[in-house]
Every structure is written in structure tokens, then in C-alpha cells.
Amino acid sequence: MEGDLHNLVPAVGELNSDRSNFSFGMVAGEPRKYGSCDFEVDFKHRTVEPMAEVQGNIARVYFYMSKKYDLRMSKKQQKLFQVWNKQDPQDSWEREKLIRIELSKKH
């Protein structure tokens, strides 16, 4: 599961560390802590909000992982990810990534 190529994406170390195992959500009124990187962390409520341009990507990875590995997802997370999936549809790079993953399985 950890090596599933659908679940592997590049990440900035500091953001990944601060994200920890916090839930994804919407973070209102937060200061921009990471310079020009649009990523918010609410340490008090253990919630993170990635930039809008990748929210759909994250949602689709979570839906895939949940289905593939029979992982539970709260109703709240499901609803949020459904919104993110609709607001940030699959782009050409995401489609290309899926093609490359499928091709890698054949070799």
C-alpha cells in the first residue's frame, strides 16, 4: 500500500512534516506560514488545507486508496473530497500519470 504509485507524490518536507496525520479540511483565517506556497495548517484542530489546484487530485487518491485497500473514510471526509473532486477536475498531467502507472505494471 505504501508503495502504490497512485499514492506517491512529491512533497515539500516541511509541509509534509507539519501535516503529520492531520485531516484535510478547510482552514479559515490562517496566516500564510509557508511563503508563496498556499498550504494552511491548523495545529489546534489538526486540520490542513492544500491549495485548490491539488485538492481534487488528493480527493481522487483518497477515494482510490479507500476502495483498493478497503480503508474507512468518515462521512465528513467523503463529502469534502466529493466537493474537491468536482471543483478541481482531473487535468492532463493526472491522466498522463495514470497512463504511466498502468504501463509500468505491464513491465
Protein backbone atom coordinates (compact mmCIF):
# COMPACT_ATOMS: atom_id res chain seq x y z
CA MET A 1 0.00 0.00 0.00
CA GLU A 2 2.80 2.45 0.89
CA GLY A 3 4.49 1.76 -2.45
CA ASP A 4 1.32 2.17 -4.53
CA LEU A 5 2.28 4.63 -7.26
CA HIS A 6 -1.16 6.27 -7.06
CA ASN A 7 -0.33 7.31 -3.50
CA LEU A 8 3.17 8.64 -4.18
CA VAL A 9 3.50 12.35 -4.91
CA PRO A 10 6.33 14.83 -4.42
CA ALA A 11 6.04 16.87 -1.25
CA VAL A 12 7.91 19.68 0.47
CA GLY A 13 9.48 18.18 3.59
CA GLU A 14 8.43 20.93 5.99
CA LEU A 15 4.81 20.80 4.78
CA ASN A 16 4.70 17.03 4.94
CA SER A 17 6.12 17.12 8.46
CA ASP A 18 3.68 19.81 9.64
CA ARG A 19 0.78 17.98 8.01
CA SER A 20 1.61 14.93 10.12
CA ASN A 21 -1.54 12.80 10.15
CA PHE A 22 -3.95 15.73 10.34
CA SER A 23 -7.24 15.56 8.47
CA PHE A 24 -7.83 17.52 5.30
CA GLY A 25 -10.38 20.29 5.59
CA MET A 26 -10.95 23.99 5.15
CA VAL A 27 -8.87 26.33 7.31
CA ALA A 28 -10.28 29.85 7.65
CA GLY A 29 -8.39 32.99 8.62
CA GLU A 30 -4.98 31.41 8.87
CA PRO A 31 -1.71 33.30 8.45
CA ARG A 32 0.43 32.31 5.48
CA LYS A 33 3.30 30.49 7.16
CA TYR A 34 4.92 28.93 4.10
CA GLY A 35 5.71 31.95 1.93
CA SER A 36 4.19 31.70 -1.52
CA CYS A 37 3.08 28.07 -1.00
CA ASP A 38 -0.68 28.05 -0.47
CA PHE A 39 -0.87 25.43 2.29
CA GLU A 40 -2.55 26.04 5.62
CA VAL A 41 -2.20 24.12 8.86
CA ASP A 42 -4.48 24.50 11.86
CA PHE A 43 -2.46 22.82 14.61
CA LYS A 44 -5.17 23.36 17.22
CA HIS A 45 -7.83 21.49 15.21
CA ARG A 46 -5.34 19.13 13.49
CA THR A 47 -6.56 20.16 10.03
CA VAL A 48 -4.72 21.04 6.81
CA GLU A 49 -5.90 22.74 3.64
CA PRO A 50 -3.83 22.29 0.46
CA MET A 51 -4.00 24.71 -2.44
CA ALA A 52 -7.14 24.50 -4.58
CA GLU A 53 -5.20 23.29 -7.63
CA VAL A 54 -4.43 19.93 -6.00
CA GLN A 55 -7.48 19.34 -3.84
CA GLY A 56 -9.20 17.20 -6.49
CA ASN A 57 -6.02 15.18 -7.00
CA ILE A 58 -5.88 14.47 -3.27
CA ALA A 59 -9.55 13.54 -3.18
CA ARG A 60 -9.17 11.07 -6.04
CA VAL A 61 -6.13 9.44 -4.43
CA TYR A 62 -8.04 9.04 -1.18
CA PHE A 63 -11.07 7.56 -2.97
CA TYR A 64 -8.81 5.16 -4.86
CA MET A 65 -6.90 4.08 -1.75
CA SER A 66 -10.12 3.66 0.22
CA LYS A 67 -11.62 1.41 -2.43
CA LYS A 68 -8.46 -0.51 -3.35
CA TYR A 69 -7.38 -1.27 0.23
CA ASP A 70 -10.78 -1.22 1.94
CA LEU A 71 -9.84 1.77 4.10
CA ARG A 72 -12.51 3.58 6.08
CA MET A 73 -13.24 7.21 5.43
CA SER A 74 -15.52 9.35 7.56
CA LYS A 75 -18.70 10.78 6.02
CA LYS A 76 -17.27 14.25 6.60
CA GLN A 77 -14.11 13.43 4.62
CA GLN A 78 -16.17 11.79 1.86
CA LYS A 79 -18.31 14.90 1.47
CA LEU A 80 -15.29 17.21 1.44
CA PHE A 81 -13.50 15.04 -1.13
CA GLN A 82 -16.61 14.91 -3.33
CA VAL A 83 -16.63 18.73 -3.37
CA TRP A 84 -12.90 18.89 -4.06
CA ASN A 85 -13.23 16.31 -6.85
CA LYS A 86 -15.93 18.40 -8.53
CA GLN A 87 -14.18 21.76 -8.07
CA ASP A 88 -10.78 20.51 -9.28
CA PRO A 89 -11.39 18.04 -12.14
CA GLN A 90 -8.73 15.73 -13.46
CA ASP A 91 -6.16 17.56 -15.60
CA SER A 92 -3.91 16.34 -18.41
CA TRP A 93 -0.95 15.59 -16.10
CA GLU A 94 -3.12 13.47 -13.82
CA ARG A 95 -4.37 11.49 -16.84
CA GLU A 96 -0.78 11.08 -18.05
CA LYS A 97 0.29 9.85 -14.61
CA LEU A 98 -2.46 7.19 -14.66
CA ILE A 99 -1.34 6.01 -18.11
CA ARG A 100 2.28 5.79 -16.97
CA ILE A 101 1.32 3.84 -13.84
CA GLU A 102 -0.65 1.34 -15.91
CA LEU A 103 2.22 0.99 -18.40
CA SER A 104 4.68 0.39 -15.54
CA LYS A 105 2.55 -2.53 -14.32
CA LYS A 106 2.98 -4.27 -17.70
CA HIS A 107 6.80 -4.25 -17.49
